[in-house]
Amino acid sequence: MSKTTPDTEQFAPISGEPDRCENCHQPSMDHVNGRCRKHFCERCGERLNPQTMVWLELNLRTGLYADPEQTPVPESESQGAFTFGQACAKAVLANGGENKHIMKAKTRRGP
C-alpha cells in the first residue's frame, strides 16, 4: 500500500489570505471544520498518524478505491488520492475497493 504523499498542489487564494489547516497550517481548499481532510481517515473519520497513514486512489468511473502501487488508476479516471488508516485501507481493499463504512457521527447532547 502506498505510504508516500502524492504531489501537493499549490492553491491560489480566491480573495485575500486562504484558510489554513489548524493541524499543518498549510493553505488548503479541502477543509472540513477548519481541518485538512488529509489528517483524518476517509473510512472512519479518526485522526491519522502521518507516519503510518495510507493513500488510496479513487477511480471516478467505478467509484472504487485502489492502491496506486498495485493497481494504478488511469489519469483520466482518477478522482485523486485519499488518506486512510492502515486497518481501514486493508478493509477497503479486501472489500474490492468499496468504502462501505459510515463515518462516526459526532452527536450533540442536550439543548
Protein backbone atom coordinates (compact mmCIF):
# COMPACT_ATOMS: atom_id res chain seq x y z
CA MET A 1 0.00 0.00 0.00
CA SER A 2 1.21 3.48 -0.79
CA LYS A 3 2.56 5.40 2.18
CA THR A 4 4.04 8.20 0.13
CA THR A 5 2.37 11.56 -0.10
CA PRO A 6 1.19 12.50 -3.60
CA ASP A 7 2.45 15.74 -5.05
CA THR A 8 0.92 18.66 -3.20
CA GLU A 9 -0.87 21.27 -5.20
CA GLN A 10 -0.43 24.98 -4.65
CA PHE A 11 -3.76 26.74 -4.33
CA ALA A 12 -4.06 30.41 -5.13
CA PRO A 13 -6.30 32.34 -2.76
CA ILE A 14 -9.62 33.35 -4.28
CA SER A 15 -9.70 36.56 -2.30
CA GLY A 16 -7.36 37.59 0.49
CA GLU A 17 -5.49 35.05 2.61
CA PRO A 18 -6.50 31.39 2.13
CA ASP A 19 -7.75 29.30 5.04
CA ARG A 20 -5.02 27.36 6.80
CA CYS A 21 -5.32 23.95 8.41
CA GLU A 22 -5.25 24.05 12.20
CA ASN A 23 -3.03 20.93 12.13
CA CYS A 24 -0.42 21.58 9.44
CA HIS A 25 -1.02 25.33 8.91
CA GLN A 26 -0.83 24.86 5.14
CA PRO A 27 -3.32 26.54 2.79
CA SER A 28 -5.94 24.11 1.61
CA MET A 29 -9.16 24.24 -0.36
CA ASP A 30 -10.24 20.88 1.09
CA HIS A 31 -11.11 21.86 4.65
CA VAL A 32 -13.78 20.35 6.86
CA ASN A 33 -14.40 22.41 10.01
CA GLY A 34 -11.04 24.17 9.63
CA ARG A 35 -9.04 20.95 9.22
CA CYS A 36 -7.49 19.37 6.15
CA ARG A 37 -9.23 16.13 5.27
CA LYS A 38 -5.82 14.51 4.74
CA HIS A 39 -5.33 14.36 8.53
CA PHE A 40 -8.36 12.09 9.00
CA CYS A 41 -9.36 8.64 7.69
CA GLU A 42 -11.87 8.65 4.82
CA ARG A 43 -13.46 5.47 6.17
CA CYS A 44 -13.86 6.05 9.91
CA GLY A 45 -13.02 9.74 10.37
CA GLU A 46 -10.36 9.07 13.02
CA ARG A 47 -7.24 11.23 13.26
CA LEU A 48 -4.32 9.73 11.30
CA ASN A 49 -0.70 9.23 12.20
CA PRO A 50 1.28 10.82 9.32
CA GLN A 51 3.94 8.10 9.65
CA THR A 52 1.52 5.22 9.08
CA MET A 53 -1.37 6.64 7.02
CA VAL A 54 -2.07 5.07 3.65
CA TRP A 55 -3.03 6.80 0.40
CA LEU A 56 -5.61 5.09 -1.83
CA GLU A 57 -6.69 6.42 -5.21
CA LEU A 58 -10.37 6.77 -6.11
CA ASN A 59 -11.48 5.71 -9.57
CA LEU A 60 -14.06 8.22 -10.80
CA ARG A 61 -15.58 5.79 -13.30
CA THR A 62 -16.02 2.81 -10.96
CA GLY A 63 -16.28 4.60 -7.60
CA LEU A 64 -13.75 2.17 -6.12
CA TYR A 65 -10.50 2.82 -4.26
CA ALA A 66 -7.24 1.20 -5.35
CA ASP A 67 -3.67 1.00 -4.11
CA PRO A 68 -1.85 3.15 -6.68
CA GLU A 69 1.29 0.98 -6.39
CA GLN A 70 -0.61 -2.26 -7.08
CA THR A 71 -3.43 -1.14 -9.38
CA PRO A 72 -2.76 2.27 -10.94
CA VAL A 73 -5.87 4.22 -11.90
CA PRO A 74 -5.72 5.83 -15.37
CA GLU A 75 -5.22 9.60 -15.04
CA SER A 76 -8.43 10.27 -16.97
CA GLU A 77 -10.39 8.24 -14.37
CA SER A 78 -8.63 9.37 -11.18
CA GLN A 79 -10.54 11.41 -8.61
CA GLY A 80 -7.29 11.76 -6.64
CA ALA A 81 -5.70 10.16 -3.59
CA PHE A 82 -7.38 9.96 -0.19
CA THR A 83 -5.98 9.10 3.23
CA PHE A 84 -6.86 6.03 5.30
CA GLY A 85 -5.58 4.38 8.44
CA GLN A 86 -3.81 1.08 7.87
CA ALA A 87 -6.67 -1.11 9.14
CA CYS A 88 -9.29 0.83 7.15
CA ALA A 89 -7.19 0.72 3.97
CA LYS A 90 -6.86 -3.06 4.31
CA ALA A 91 -10.63 -3.37 4.87
CA VAL A 92 -11.44 -1.23 1.82
CA LEU A 93 -9.06 -3.16 -0.43
CA ALA A 94 -10.35 -6.50 0.93
CA ASN A 95 -13.85 -5.32 0.00
CA GLY A 96 -12.83 -4.86 -3.63
CA GLY A 97 -12.16 -1.14 -3.19
CA GLU A 98 -15.64 -0.27 -1.98
CA ASN A 99 -15.80 2.02 1.07
CA LYS A 100 -18.93 0.77 2.87
CA HIS A 101 -18.08 2.09 6.33
CA ILE A 102 -20.09 5.06 7.59
CA MET A 103 -18.06 7.69 9.40
CA LYS A 104 -18.64 8.04 13.09
CA ALA A 105 -21.07 10.88 13.66
CA LYS A 106 -20.43 13.31 16.46
CA THR A 107 -23.72 13.81 18.21
CA ARG A 108 -24.69 16.77 20.29
CA ARG A 109 -26.32 16.05 23.61
CA GLY A 110 -28.59 18.36 25.47
CA PRO A 111 -30.21 21.62 24.41
